[in-house]
Amino acid sequence: MVALAAVEVLAGHRPLAQLARWLTPDIYDGLARRAVLTAPGTRVLDAAAGAHDLAGDPTDPVPAGVARRPSVRRVRVHRVDAHTVESSVVVAHADRVRAVAVRLTRSTGRWRASALVVG
């Protein structure tokens, strides 16, 4: 599933290259840019808490080296036409629940994500 794989890429659990055949070039490039910004160990500025590491919380009960994998909670699919399908997917990861919207378009005999939004 493209939505789950995209969240796994952003969480650092899956290489982006594995999604290349399933994403249009524009979507692939956008996900690549976002993955760089959210890579584990990256420092980000949070207005409320200041700069912090995305690498994890030292008080986390999950032992070091054990990764929590994202999981799908809910999927809704709407067929727009014979060549287009839109879906909304709810994905749980660690202490977050994310909404993912995907538009799949069939072209030259295969389905590819032509729109992808990860909330």
PDB file of N, CA and C in Angstrom:
ATOM      1  N   MET A   1       0.841  -1.166   0.000  1.00  0.00           N
ATOM      2  CA  MET A   1       0.000   0.000   0.000  1.00  0.00           C
ATOM      3  C   MET A   1       0.894   1.240   0.000  1.00  0.00           C
ATOM      4  N   VAL A   2       0.646   2.140  -0.927  1.00  0.00           N
ATOM      5  CA  VAL A   2       1.464   3.334  -1.107  1.00  0.00           C
ATOM      6  C   VAL A   2       1.417   4.237   0.124  1.00  0.00           C
ATOM      7  N   ALA A   3       0.269   4.403   0.729  1.00  0.00           N
ATOM      8  CA  ALA A   3       0.146   5.292   1.891  1.00  0.00           C
ATOM      9  C   ALA A   3       1.008   4.814   3.050  1.00  0.00           C
ATOM     10  N   LEU A   4       0.933   3.545   3.369  1.00  0.00           N
ATOM     11  CA  LEU A   4       1.737   2.987   4.455  1.00  0.00           C
ATOM     12  C   LEU A   4       3.218   3.083   4.128  1.00  0.00           C
ATOM     13  N   ALA A   5       3.586   2.763   2.907  1.00  0.00           N
ATOM     14  CA  ALA A   5       4.991   2.827   2.504  1.00  0.00           C
ATOM     15  C   ALA A   5       5.528   4.255   2.594  1.00  0.00           C
ATOM     16  N   ALA A   6       4.709   5.245   2.250  1.00  0.00           N
ATOM     17  CA  ALA A   6       5.147   6.642   2.345  1.00  0.00           C
ATOM     18  C   ALA A   6       5.423   7.032   3.793  1.00  0.00           C
ATOM     19  N   VAL A   7       4.558   6.615   4.711  1.00  0.00           N
ATOM     20  CA  VAL A   7       4.785   6.898   6.132  1.00  0.00           C
ATOM     21  C   VAL A   7       6.037   6.172   6.611  1.00  0.00           C
ATOM     22  N   GLU A   8       6.255   4.950   6.136  1.00  0.00           N
ATOM     23  CA  GLU A   8       7.469   4.216   6.503  1.00  0.00           C
ATOM     24  C   GLU A   8       8.718   4.931   6.006  1.00  0.00           C
ATOM     25  N   VAL A   9       8.655   5.516   4.817  1.00  0.00           N
ATOM     26  CA  VAL A   9       9.785   6.299   4.295  1.00  0.00           C
ATOM     27  C   VAL A   9      10.049   7.489   5.206  1.00  0.00           C
ATOM     28  N   LEU A  10       9.005   8.214   5.566  1.00  0.00           N
ATOM     29  CA  LEU A  10       9.171   9.392   6.415  1.00  0.00           C
ATOM     30  C   LEU A  10       9.668   9.030   7.810  1.00  0.00           C
ATOM     31  N   ALA A  11       9.351   7.820   8.267  1.00  0.00           N
ATOM     32  CA  ALA A  11       9.791   7.366   9.591  1.00  0.00           C
ATOM     33  C   ALA A  11      11.186   6.748   9.548  1.00  0.00           C
ATOM     34  N   GLY A  12      11.738   6.581   8.350  1.00  0.00           N
ATOM     35  CA  GLY A  12      13.065   5.996   8.226  1.00  0.00           C
ATOM     36  C   GLY A  12      13.075   4.479   8.239  1.00  0.00           C
ATOM     37  N   HIS A  13      11.914   3.843   8.041  1.00  0.00           N
ATOM     38  CA  HIS A  13      11.813   2.383   8.055  1.00  0.00           C
ATOM     39  C   HIS A  13      11.912   1.758   6.666  1.00  0.00           C
ATOM     40  N   ARG A  14      11.837   2.564   5.613  1.00  0.00           N
ATOM     41  CA  ARG A  14      11.830   2.029   4.249  1.00  0.00           C
ATOM     42  C   ARG A  14      12.605   2.976   3.337  1.00  0.00           C
ATOM     43  N   PRO A  15      13.429   2.436   2.436  1.00  0.00           N
ATOM     44  CA  PRO A  15      14.113   3.298   1.470  1.00  0.00           C
ATOM     45  C   PRO A  15      13.117   3.850   0.442  1.00  0.00           C
ATOM     46  N   LEU A  16      13.258   5.108   0.121  1.00  0.00           N
ATOM     47  CA  LEU A  16      12.363   5.752  -0.840  1.00  0.00           C
ATOM     48  C   LEU A  16      12.418   5.064  -2.198  1.00  0.00           C
ATOM     49  N   ALA A  17      13.569   4.566  -2.584  1.00  0.00           N
ATOM     50  CA  ALA A  17      13.729   3.939  -3.902  1.00  0.00           C
ATOM     51  C   ALA A  17      12.738   2.798  -4.123  1.00  0.00           C
ATOM     52  N   GLN A  18      12.282   2.158  -3.062  1.00  0.00           N
ATOM     53  CA  GLN A  18      11.316   1.063  -3.204  1.00  0.00           C
ATOM     54  C   GLN A  18       9.964   1.542  -3.729  1.00  0.00           C
ATOM     55  N   LEU A  19       9.702   2.835  -3.650  1.00  0.00           N
ATOM     56  CA  LEU A  19       8.423   3.370  -4.117  1.00  0.00           C
ATOM     57  C   LEU A  19       8.493   3.942  -5.527  1.00  0.00           C
ATOM     58  N   ALA A  20       9.661   3.963  -6.133  1.00  0.00           N
ATOM     59  CA  ALA A  20       9.862   4.637  -7.418  1.00  0.00           C
ATOM     60  C   ALA A  20       8.866   4.195  -8.490  1.00  0.00           C
ATOM     61  N   ARG A  21       8.604   2.922  -8.596  1.00  0.00           N
ATOM     62  CA  ARG A  21       7.709   2.453  -9.655  1.00  0.00           C
ATOM     63  C   ARG A  21       6.244   2.778  -9.377  1.00  0.00           C
ATOM     64  N   TRP A  22       5.912   3.132  -8.133  1.00  0.00           N
ATOM     65  CA  TRP A  22       4.522   3.378  -7.748  1.00  0.00           C
ATOM     66  C   TRP A  22       4.166   4.857  -7.672  1.00  0.00           C
ATOM     67  N   LEU A  23       5.157   5.753  -7.830  1.00  0.00           N
ATOM     68  CA  LEU A  23       4.930   7.194  -7.717  1.00  0.00           C
ATOM     69  C   LEU A  23       5.287   7.887  -9.022  1.00  0.00           C
ATOM     70  N   THR A  24       4.535   8.935  -9.369  1.00  0.00           N
ATOM     71  CA  THR A  24       4.943   9.758 -10.503  1.00  0.00           C
ATOM     72  C   THR A  24       6.206  10.510 -10.097  1.00  0.00           C
ATOM     73  N   PRO A  25       6.996  10.981 -11.065  1.00  0.00           N
ATOM     74  CA  PRO A  25       8.241  11.684 -10.718  1.00  0.00           C
ATOM     75  C   PRO A  25       8.033  12.876  -9.782  1.00  0.00           C
ATOM     76  N   ASP A  26       6.983  13.654  -9.976  1.00  0.00           N
ATOM     77  CA  ASP A  26       6.729  14.810  -9.102  1.00  0.00           C
ATOM     78  C   ASP A  26       6.451  14.375  -7.665  1.00  0.00           C
ATOM     79  N   ILE A  27       5.664  13.334  -7.503  1.00  0.00           N
ATOM     80  CA  ILE A  27       5.340  12.840  -6.161  1.00  0.00           C
ATOM     81  C   ILE A  27       6.586  12.248  -5.511  1.00  0.00           C
ATOM     82  N   TYR A  28       7.378  11.528  -6.282  1.00  0.00           N
ATOM     83  CA  TYR A  28       8.623  10.947  -5.770  1.00  0.00           C
ATOM     84  C   TYR A  28       9.557  12.049  -5.255  1.00  0.00           C
ATOM     85  N   ASP A  29       9.731  13.104  -6.059  1.00  0.00           N
ATOM     86  CA  ASP A  29      10.614  14.209  -5.661  1.00  0.00           C
ATOM     87  C   ASP A  29      10.104  14.910  -4.407  1.00  0.00           C
ATOM     88  N   GLY A  30       8.801  15.122  -4.321  1.00  0.00           N
ATOM     89  CA  GLY A  30       8.233  15.765  -3.135  1.00  0.00           C
ATOM     90  C   GLY A  30       8.416  14.928  -1.884  1.00  0.00           C
ATOM     91  N   LEU A  31       8.221  13.623  -2.005  1.00  0.00           N
ATOM     92  CA  LEU A  31       8.412  12.736  -0.859  1.00  0.00           C
ATOM     93  C   LEU A  31       9.886  12.682  -0.470  1.00  0.00           C
ATOM     94  N   ALA A  32      10.769  12.737  -1.455  1.00  0.00           N
ATOM     95  CA  ALA A  32      12.211  12.744  -1.168  1.00  0.00           C
ATOM     96  C   ALA A  32      12.595  13.989  -0.375  1.00  0.00           C
ATOM     97  N   ARG A  33      12.071  15.147  -0.777  1.00  0.00           N
ATOM     98  CA  ARG A  33      12.366  16.392  -0.044  1.00  0.00           C
ATOM     99  C   ARG A  33      11.849  16.313   1.387  1.00  0.00           C
ATOM    100  N   ARG A  34      10.645  15.807   1.543  1.00  0.00           N
ATOM    101  CA  ARG A  34      10.072  15.722   2.892  1.00  0.00           C
ATOM    102  C   ARG A  34      10.810  14.698   3.749  1.00  0.00           C
ATOM    103  N   ALA A  35      11.244  13.601   3.150  1.00  0.00           N
ATOM    104  CA  ALA A  35      11.972  12.569   3.896  1.00  0.00           C
ATOM    105  C   ALA A  35      13.277  13.123   4.461  1.00  0.00           C
ATOM    106  N   VAL A  36      13.936  13.996   3.708  1.00  0.00           N
ATOM    107  CA  VAL A  36      15.168  14.620   4.201  1.00  0.00           C
ATOM    108  C   VAL A  36      14.869  15.473   5.427  1.00  0.00           C
ATOM    109  N   LEU A  37      13.757  16.180   5.400  1.00  0.00           N
ATOM    110  CA  LEU A  37      13.400  17.054   6.521  1.00  0.00           C
ATOM    111  C   LEU A  37      12.985  16.288   7.768  1.00  0.00           C
ATOM    112  N   THR A  38      12.445  15.083   7.586  1.00  0.00           N
ATOM    113  CA  THR A  38      11.947  14.321   8.731  1.00  0.00           C
ATOM    114  C   THR A  38      12.813  13.120   9.073  1.00  0.00           C
ATOM    115  N   ALA A  39      13.999  13.042   8.491  1.00  0.00           N
ATOM    116  CA  ALA A  39      14.874  11.892   8.749  1.00  0.00           C
ATOM    117  C   ALA A  39      15.208  11.797  10.235  1.00  0.00           C
ATOM    118  N   PRO A  40      15.271  10.563  10.765  1.00  0.00           N
ATOM    119  CA  PRO A  40      15.635  10.395  12.178  1.00  0.00           C
ATOM    120  C   PRO A  40      16.973  11.062  12.475  1.00  0.00           C
ATOM    121  N   GLY A  41      17.036  11.739  13.608  1.00  0.00           N
ATOM    122  CA  GLY A  41      18.254  12.435  13.997  1.00  0.00           C
ATOM    123  C   GLY A  41      18.314  13.869  13.507  1.00  0.00           C
ATOM    124  N   THR A  42      17.332  14.277  12.700  1.00  0.00           N
ATOM    125  CA  THR A  42      17.288  15.642  12.200  1.00  0.00           C
ATOM    126  C   THR A  42      16.784  16.566  13.301  1.00  0.00           C
ATOM    127  N   ARG A  43      17.382  17.732  13.406  1.00  0.00           N
ATOM    128  CA  ARG A  43      16.919  18.707  14.387  1.00  0.00           C
ATOM    129  C   ARG A  43      15.916  19.627  13.712  1.00  0.00           C
ATOM    130  N   VAL A  44      14.829  19.884  14.422  1.00  0.00           N
ATOM    131  CA  VAL A  44      13.808  20.783  13.902  1.00  0.00           C
ATOM    132  C   VAL A  44      13.505  21.841  14.949  1.00  0.00           C
ATOM    133  N   LEU A  45      12.993  22.956  14.490  1.00  0.00           N
ATOM    134  CA  LEU A  45      12.617  24.021  15.406  1.00  0.00           C
ATOM    135  C   LEU A  45      11.121  23.939  15.657  1.00  0.00           C
ATOM    136  N   ASP A  46      10.769  23.795  16.909  1.00  0.00           N
ATOM    137  CA  ASP A  46       9.374  23.733  17.322  1.00  0.00           C
ATOM    138  C   ASP A  46       9.099  24.987  18.141  1.00  0.00           C
ATOM    139  N   ALA A  47       8.113  25.766  17.741  1.00  0.00           N
ATOM    140  CA  ALA A  47       7.850  27.042  18.403  1.00  0.00           C
ATOM    141  C   ALA A  47       7.583  26.881  19.897  1.00  0.00           C
ATOM    142  N   ALA A  48       6.931  25.807  20.285  1.00  0.00           N
ATOM    143  CA  ALA A  48       6.585  25.618  21.694  1.00  0.00           C
ATOM    144  C   ALA A  48       7.740  25.062  22.513  1.00  0.00           C
ATOM    145  N   ALA A  49       8.486  24.130  21.948  1.00  0.00           N
ATOM    146  CA  ALA A  49       9.499  23.427  22.741  1.00  0.00           C
ATOM    147  C   ALA A  49      10.932  23.788  22.373  1.00  0.00           C
ATOM    148  N   GLY A  50      11.130  24.608  21.355  1.00  0.00           N
ATOM    149  CA  GLY A  50      12.490  24.904  20.920  1.00  0.00           C
ATOM    150  C   GLY A  50      13.017  23.776  20.050  1.00  0.00           C
ATOM    151  N   ALA A  51      14.320  23.781  19.800  1.00  0.00           N
ATOM    152  CA  ALA A  51      14.916  22.736  18.962  1.00  0.00           C
ATOM    153  C   ALA A  51      14.942  21.423  19.727  1.00  0.00           C
ATOM    154  N   HIS A  52      14.640  20.348  19.039  1.00  0.00           N
ATOM    155  CA  HIS A  52      14.706  19.034  19.663  1.00  0.00           C
ATOM    156  C   HIS A  52      15.087  18.001  18.614  1.00  0.00           C
ATOM    157  N   ASP A  53      15.528  16.850  19.054  1.00  0.00           N
ATOM    158  CA  ASP A  53      15.896  15.778  18.142  1.00  0.00           C
ATOM    159  C   ASP A  53      14.669  14.954  17.799  1.00  0.00           C
ATOM    160  N   LEU A  54      14.599  14.541  16.543  1.00  0.00           N
ATOM    161  CA  LEU A  54      13.538  13.637  16.127  1.00  0.00           C
ATOM    162  C   LEU A  54      13.961  12.187  16.325  1.00  0.00           C
ATOM    163  N   ALA A  55      15.173  11.974  16.833  1.00  0.00           N
ATOM    164  CA  ALA A  55      15.703  10.620  16.976  1.00  0.00           C
ATOM    165  C   ALA A  55      14.949   9.816  18.020  1.00  0.00           C
ATOM    166  N   GLY A  56      14.283  10.465  18.933  1.00  0.00           N
ATOM    167  CA  GLY A  56      13.502   9.719  19.911  1.00  0.00           C
ATOM    168  C   GLY A  56      13.620  10.295  21.296  1.00  0.00           C
ATOM    169  N   ASP A  57      12.795   9.793  22.166  1.00  0.00           N
ATOM    170  CA  ASP A  57      12.743  10.225  23.554  1.00  0.00           C
ATOM    171  C   ASP A  57      13.505   9.213  24.403  1.00  0.00           C
ATOM    172  N   PRO A  58      14.467   9.666  25.212  1.00  0.00           N
ATOM    173  CA  PRO A  58      15.225   8.712  26.021  1.00  0.00           C
ATOM    174  C   PRO A  58      14.371   7.987  27.058  1.00  0.00           C
ATOM    175  N   THR A  59      13.183   8.495  27.360  1.00  0.00           N
ATOM    176  CA  THR A  59      12.299   7.824  28.320  1.00  0.00           C
ATOM    177  C   THR A  59      11.328   6.861  27.635  1.00  0.00           C
ATOM    178  N   ASP A  60      11.465   6.693  26.322  1.00  0.00           N
ATOM    179  CA  ASP A  60      10.587   5.800  25.564  1.00  0.00           C
ATOM    180  C   ASP A  60      10.731   4.367  26.075  1.00  0.00           C
ATOM    181  N   PRO A  61       9.600   3.670  26.353  1.00  0.00           N
ATOM    182  CA  PRO A  61       9.679   2.303  26.876  1.00  0.00           C
ATOM    183  C   PRO A  61      10.146   1.265  25.859  1.00  0.00           C
ATOM    184  N   VAL A  62      10.182   1.614  24.565  1.00  0.00           N
ATOM    185  CA  VAL A  62      10.652   0.665  23.559  1.00  0.00           C
ATOM    186  C   VAL A  62      12.171   0.619  23.623  1.00  0.00           C
ATOM    187  N   PRO A  63      12.770  -0.565  23.754  1.00  0.00           N
ATOM    188  CA  PRO A  63      14.225  -0.664  23.856  1.00  0.00           C
ATOM    189  C   PRO A  63      14.934  -0.097  22.634  1.00  0.00           C
ATOM    190  N   ALA A  64      16.159   0.377  22.834  1.00  0.00           N
ATOM    191  CA  ALA A  64      16.959   0.909  21.735  1.00  0.00           C
ATOM    192  C   ALA A  64      17.137  -0.172  20.679  1.00  0.00           C
ATOM    193  N   GLY A  65      17.075   0.230  19.426  1.00  0.00           N
ATOM    194  CA  GLY A  65      17.251  -0.704  18.330  1.00  0.00           C
ATOM    195  C   GLY A  65      15.975  -1.399  17.888  1.00  0.00           C
ATOM    196  N   VAL A  66      14.892  -1.245  18.646  1.00  0.00           N
ATOM    197  CA  VAL A  66      13.617  -1.851  18.272  1.00  0.00           C
ATOM    198  C   VAL A  66      12.754  -0.754  17.658  1.00  0.00           C
ATOM    199  N   ALA A  67      12.442  -0.914  16.391  1.00  0.00           N
ATOM    200  CA  ALA A  67      11.686   0.114  15.684  1.00  0.00           C
ATOM    201  C   ALA A  67      10.199  -0.218  15.688  1.00  0.00           C
ATOM    202  N   ARG A  68       9.402   0.782  15.935  1.00  0.00           N
ATOM    203  CA  ARG A  68       7.949   0.629  15.817  1.00  0.00           C
ATOM    204  C   ARG A  68       7.587   0.865  14.364  1.00  0.00           C
ATOM    205  N   ARG A  69       6.883  -0.063  13.778  1.00  0.00           N
ATOM    206  CA  ARG A  69       6.474   0.074  12.386  1.00  0.00           C
ATOM    207  C   ARG A  69       5.095   0.728  12.334  1.00  0.00           C
ATOM    208  N   PRO A  70       4.876   1.599  11.354  1.00  0.00           N
ATOM    209  CA  PRO A  70       3.545   2.166  11.170  1.00  0.00           C
ATOM    210  C   PRO A  70       2.539   1.067  10.820  1.00  0.00           C
ATOM    211  N   SER A  71       1.279   1.279  11.190  1.00  0.00           N
ATOM    212  CA  SER A  71       0.235   0.310  10.856  1.00  0.00           C
ATOM    213  C   SER A  71      -1.019   1.035  10.379  1.00  0.00           C
ATOM    214  N   VAL A  72      -1.723   0.396   9.468  1.00  0.00           N
ATOM    215  CA  VAL A  72      -2.941   0.973   8.898  1.00  0.00           C
ATOM    216  C   VAL A  72      -4.105   0.749   9.855  1.00  0.00           C
ATOM    217  N   ARG A  73      -4.820   1.826  10.146  1.00  0.00           N
ATOM    218  CA  ARG A  73      -6.007   1.750  11.006  1.00  0.00           C
ATOM    219  C   ARG A  73      -7.293   1.680  10.186  1.00  0.00           C
ATOM    220  N   ARG A  74      -7.348   2.467   9.099  1.00  0.00           N
ATOM    221  CA  ARG A  74      -8.591   2.544   8.323  1.00  0.00           C
ATOM    222  C   ARG A  74      -8.270   2.962   6.883  1.00  0.00           C
ATOM    223  N   VAL A  75      -9.045   2.435   5.945  1.00  0.00           N
ATOM    224  CA  VAL A  75      -8.894   2.788   4.530  1.00  0.00           C
ATOM    225  C   VAL A  75     -10.272   3.071   3.951  1.00  0.00           C
ATOM    226  N   ARG A  76     -10.388   4.138   3.210  1.00  0.00           N
ATOM    227  CA  ARG A  76     -11.606   4.469   2.464  1.00  0.00           C
ATOM    228  C   ARG A  76     -11.190   4.679   1.012  1.00  0.00           C
ATOM    229  N   VAL A  77     -11.924   4.082   0.092  1.00  0.00           N
ATOM    230  CA  VAL A  77     -11.579   4.159  -1.329  1.00  0.00           C
ATOM    231  C   VAL A  77     -12.780   4.658  -2.117  1.00  0.00           C
ATOM    232  N   HIS A  78     -12.509   5.543  -3.078  1.00  0.00           N
ATOM    233  CA  HIS A  78     -13.548   6.070  -3.958  1.00  0.00           C
ATOM    234  C   HIS A  78     -13.044   5.977  -5.391  1.00  0.00           C
ATOM    235  N   ARG A  79     -13.794   5.299  -6.230  1.00  0.00           N
ATOM    236  CA  ARG A  79     -13.422   5.196  -7.641  1.00  0.00           C
ATOM    237  C   ARG A  79     -13.987   6.411  -8.369  1.00  0.00           C
ATOM    238  N   VAL A  80     -13.095   7.267  -8.856  1.00  0.00           N
ATOM    239  CA  VAL A  80     -13.502   8.490  -9.541  1.00  0.00           C
ATOM    240  C   VAL A  80     -13.978   8.166 -10.947  1.00  0.00           C
ATOM    241  N   ASP A  81     -13.194   7.390 -11.670  1.00  0.00           N
ATOM    242  CA  ASP A  81     -13.553   6.911 -13.002  1.00  0.00           C
ATOM    243  C   ASP A  81     -12.760   5.636 -13.269  1.00  0.00           C
ATOM    244  N   ALA A  82     -12.798   5.152 -14.497  1.00  0.00           N
ATOM    245  CA  ALA A  82     -12.146   3.875 -14.813  1.00  0.00           C
ATOM    246  C   ALA A  82     -10.631   3.919 -14.636  1.00  0.00           C
ATOM    247  N   HIS A  83     -10.056   5.111 -14.621  1.00  0.00           N
ATOM    248  CA  HIS A  83      -8.598   5.241 -14.541  1.00  0.00           C
ATOM    249  C   HIS A  83      -8.107   5.987 -13.308  1.00  0.00           C
ATOM    250  N   THR A  84      -9.003   6.304 -12.372  1.00  0.00           N
ATOM    251  CA  THR A  84      -8.612   7.086 -11.199  1.00  0.00           C
ATOM    252  C   THR A  84      -9.312   6.575  -9.947  1.00  0.00           C
ATOM    253  N   VAL A  85      -8.525   6.394  -8.893  1.00  0.00           N
ATOM    254  CA  VAL A  85      -9.035   5.977  -7.589  1.00  0.00           C
ATOM    255  C   VAL A  85      -8.445   6.904  -6.539  1.00  0.00           C
ATOM    256  N   GLU A  86      -9.276   7.364  -5.619  1.00  0.00           N
ATOM    257  CA  GLU A  86      -8.787   8.179  -4.507  1.00  0.00           C
ATOM    258  C   GLU A  86      -9.033   7.430  -3.209  1.00  0.00           C
ATOM    259  N   SER A  87      -8.094   7.563  -2.288  1.00  0.00           N
ATOM    260  CA  SER A  87      -8.277   6.893  -1.001  1.00  0.00           C
ATOM    261  C   SER A  87      -7.785   7.773   0.132  1.00  0.00           C
ATOM    262  N   SER A  88      -8.388   7.556   1.282  1.00  0.00           N
ATOM    263  CA  SER A  88      -7.895   8.171   2.511  1.00  0.00           C
ATOM    264  C   SER A  88      -7.520   7.023   3.433  1.00  0.00           C
ATOM    265  N   VAL A  89      -6.375   7.163   4.061  1.00  0.00           N
ATOM    266  CA  VAL A  89      -5.841   6.097   4.897  1.00  0.00           C
ATOM    267  C   VAL A  89      -5.432   6.696   6.235  1.00  0.00           C
ATOM    268  N   VAL A  90      -5.809   6.049   7.315  1.00  0.00           N
ATOM    269  CA  VAL A  90      -5.382   6.462   8.652  1.00  0.00           C
ATOM    270  C   VAL A  90      -4.275   5.504   9.068  1.00  0.00           C
ATOM    271  N   VAL A  91      -3.105   6.072   9.387  1.00  0.00           N
ATOM    272  CA  VAL A  91      -1.929   5.279   9.738  1.00  0.00           C
ATOM    273  C   VAL A  91      -1.464   5.663  11.135  1.00  0.00           C
ATOM    274  N   ALA A  92      -1.280   4.674  11.990  1.00  0.00           N
ATOM    275  CA  ALA A  92      -0.760   4.901  13.345  1.00  0.00           C
ATOM    276  C   ALA A  92       0.728   4.606  13.341  1.00  0.00           C
ATOM    277  N   HIS A  93       1.495   5.502  13.980  1.00  0.00           N
ATOM    278  CA  HIS A  93       2.936   5.296  14.105  1.00  0.00           C
ATOM    279  C   HIS A  93       3.410   5.913  15.412  1.00  0.00           C
ATOM    280  N   ALA A  94       3.981   5.076  16.257  1.00  0.00           N
ATOM    281  CA  ALA A  94       4.465   5.511  17.574  1.00  0.00           C
ATOM    282  C   ALA A  94       3.308   6.181  18.310  1.00  0.00           C
ATOM    283  N   ASP A  95       3.484   7.442  18.696  1.00  0.00           N
ATOM    284  CA  ASP A  95       2.428   8.128  19.444  1.00  0.00           C
ATOM    285  C   ASP A  95       1.593   9.047  18.561  1.00  0.00           C
ATOM    286  N   ARG A  96       1.665   8.863  17.229  1.00  0.00           N
ATOM    287  CA  ARG A  96       0.931   9.709  16.292  1.00  0.00           C
ATOM    288  C   ARG A  96      -0.026   8.894  15.448  1.00  0.00           C
ATOM    289  N   VAL A  97      -1.075   9.543  15.020  1.00  0.00           N
ATOM    290  CA  VAL A  97      -1.975   8.979  14.024  1.00  0.00           C
ATOM    291  C   VAL A  97      -1.997   9.975  12.877  1.00  0.00           C
ATOM    292  N   ARG A  98      -1.743   9.478  11.670  1.00  0.00           N
ATOM    293  CA  ARG A  98      -1.639  10.360  10.511  1.00  0.00           C
ATOM    294  C   ARG A  98      -2.706  10.025   9.484  1.00  0.00           C
ATOM    295  N   ALA A  99      -3.171  11.051   8.807  1.00  0.00           N
ATOM    296  CA  ALA A  99      -4.076  10.866   7.677  1.00  0.00           C
ATOM    297  C   ALA A  99      -3.249  10.964   6.401  1.00  0.00           C
ATOM    298  N   VAL A 100      -3.509  10.063   5.478  1.00  0.00           N
ATOM    299  CA  VAL A 100      -2.810  10.068   4.197  1.00  0.00           C
ATOM    300  C   VAL A 100      -3.866  10.034   3.094  1.00  0.00           C
ATOM    301  N   ALA A 101      -3.739  10.945   2.141  1.00  0.00           N
ATOM    302  CA  ALA A 101      -4.631  10.964   0.985  1.00  0.00           C
ATOM    303  C   ALA A 101      -3.815  10.584  -0.248  1.00  0.00           C
ATOM    304  N   VAL A 102      -4.365   9.679  -1.049  1.00  0.00           N
ATOM    305  CA  VAL A 102      -3.655   9.191  -2.234  1.00  0.00           C
ATOM    306  C   VAL A 102      -4.605   9.184  -3.421  1.00  0.00           C
ATOM    307  N   ARG A 103      -4.106   9.660  -4.545  1.00  0.00           N
ATOM    308  CA  ARG A 103      -4.834   9.517  -5.809  1.00  0.00           C
ATOM    309  C   ARG A 103      -4.003   8.601  -6.690  1.00  0.00           C
ATOM    310  N   LEU A 104      -4.594   7.489  -7.104  1.00  0.00           N
ATOM    311  CA  LEU A 104      -3.928   6.548  -7.998  1.00  0.00           C
ATOM    312  C   LEU A 104      -4.526   6.701  -9.386  1.00  0.00           C
ATOM    313  N   THR A 105      -3.649   6.810 -10.379  1.00  0.00           N
ATOM    314  CA  THR A 105      -4.076   6.980 -11.756  1.00  0.00           C
ATOM    315  C   THR A 105      -3.489   5.856 -12.599  1.00  0.00           C
ATOM    316  N   ARG A 106      -4.325   5.258 -13.420  1.00  0.00           N
ATOM    317  CA  ARG A 106      -3.850   4.183 -14.294  1.00  0.00           C
ATOM    318  C   ARG A 106      -3.400   4.780 -15.617  1.00  0.00           C
ATOM    319  N   SER A 107      -2.165   4.467 -15.976  1.00  0.00           N
ATOM    320  CA  SER A 107      -1.596   4.965 -17.218  1.00  0.00           C
ATOM    321  C   SER A 107      -0.638   3.909 -17.751  1.00  0.00           C
ATOM    322  N   THR A 108      -0.689   3.676 -19.022  1.00  0.00           N
ATOM    323  CA  THR A 108       0.155   2.662 -19.684  1.00  0.00           C
ATOM    324  C   THR A 108       0.132   1.321 -18.954  1.00  0.00           C
ATOM    325  N   GLY A 109      -1.059   0.930 -18.526  1.00  0.00           N
ATOM    326  CA  GLY A 109      -1.239  -0.390 -17.948  1.00  0.00           C
ATOM    327  C   GLY A 109      -0.855  -0.570 -16.497  1.00  0.00           C
ATOM    328  N   ARG A 110      -0.468   0.499 -15.803  1.00  0.00           N
ATOM    329  CA  ARG A 110      -0.148   0.337 -14.378  1.00  0.00           C
ATOM    330  C   ARG A 110      -0.654   1.531 -13.573  1.00  0.00           C
ATOM    331  N   TRP A 111      -0.859   1.282 -12.289  1.00  0.00           N
ATOM    332  CA  TRP A 111      -1.356   2.297 -11.367  1.00  0.00           C
ATOM    333  C   TRP A 111      -0.178   2.980 -10.698  1.00  0.00           C
ATOM    334  N   ARG A 112      -0.235   4.328 -10.635  1.00  0.00           N
ATOM    335  CA  ARG A 112       0.801   5.101  -9.947  1.00  0.00           C
ATOM    336  C   ARG A 112       0.134   6.215  -9.153  1.00  0.00           C
ATOM    337  N   ALA A 113       0.763   6.580  -8.046  1.00  0.00           N
ATOM    338  CA  ALA A 113       0.242   7.682  -7.232  1.00  0.00           C
ATOM    339  C   ALA A 113       0.545   8.996  -7.943  1.00  0.00           C
ATOM    340  N   SER A 114      -0.506   9.724  -8.293  1.00  0.00           N
ATOM    341  CA  SER A 114      -0.345  11.023  -8.947  1.00  0.00           C
ATOM    342  C   SER A 114      -0.579  12.166  -7.966  1.00  0.00           C
ATOM    343  N   ALA A 115      -1.020  11.834  -6.763  1.00  0.00           N
ATOM    344  CA  ALA A 115      -1.162  12.807  -5.671  1.00  0.00           C
ATOM    345  C   ALA A 115      -0.977  12.047  -4.363  1.00  0.00           C
ATOM    346  N   LEU A 116      -0.265  12.682  -3.434  1.00  0.00           N
ATOM    347  CA  LEU A 116      -0.008  12.061  -2.135  1.00  0.00           C
ATOM    348  C   LEU A 116       0.160  13.163  -1.103  1.00  0.00           C
ATOM    349  N   VAL A 117      -0.661  13.113  -0.069  1.00  0.00           N
ATOM    350  CA  VAL A 117      -0.565  14.080   1.023  1.00  0.00           C
ATOM    351  C   VAL A 117      -0.506  13.296   2.325  1.00  0.00           C
ATOM    352  N   VAL A 118       0.561  13.517   3.089  1.00  0.00           N
ATOM    353  CA  VAL A 118       0.713  12.869   4.391  1.00  0.00           C
ATOM    354  C   VAL A 118       0.570  13.939   5.450  1.00  0.00           C
ATOM    355  N   GLY A 119      -0.460  13.802   6.299  1.00  0.00           N
ATOM    356  CA  GLY A 119      -0.704  14.789   7.342  1.00  0.00           C
ATOM    357  C   GLY A 119       0.040  14.482   8.608  1.00  0.00           C
TER     358      GLY A 119
END
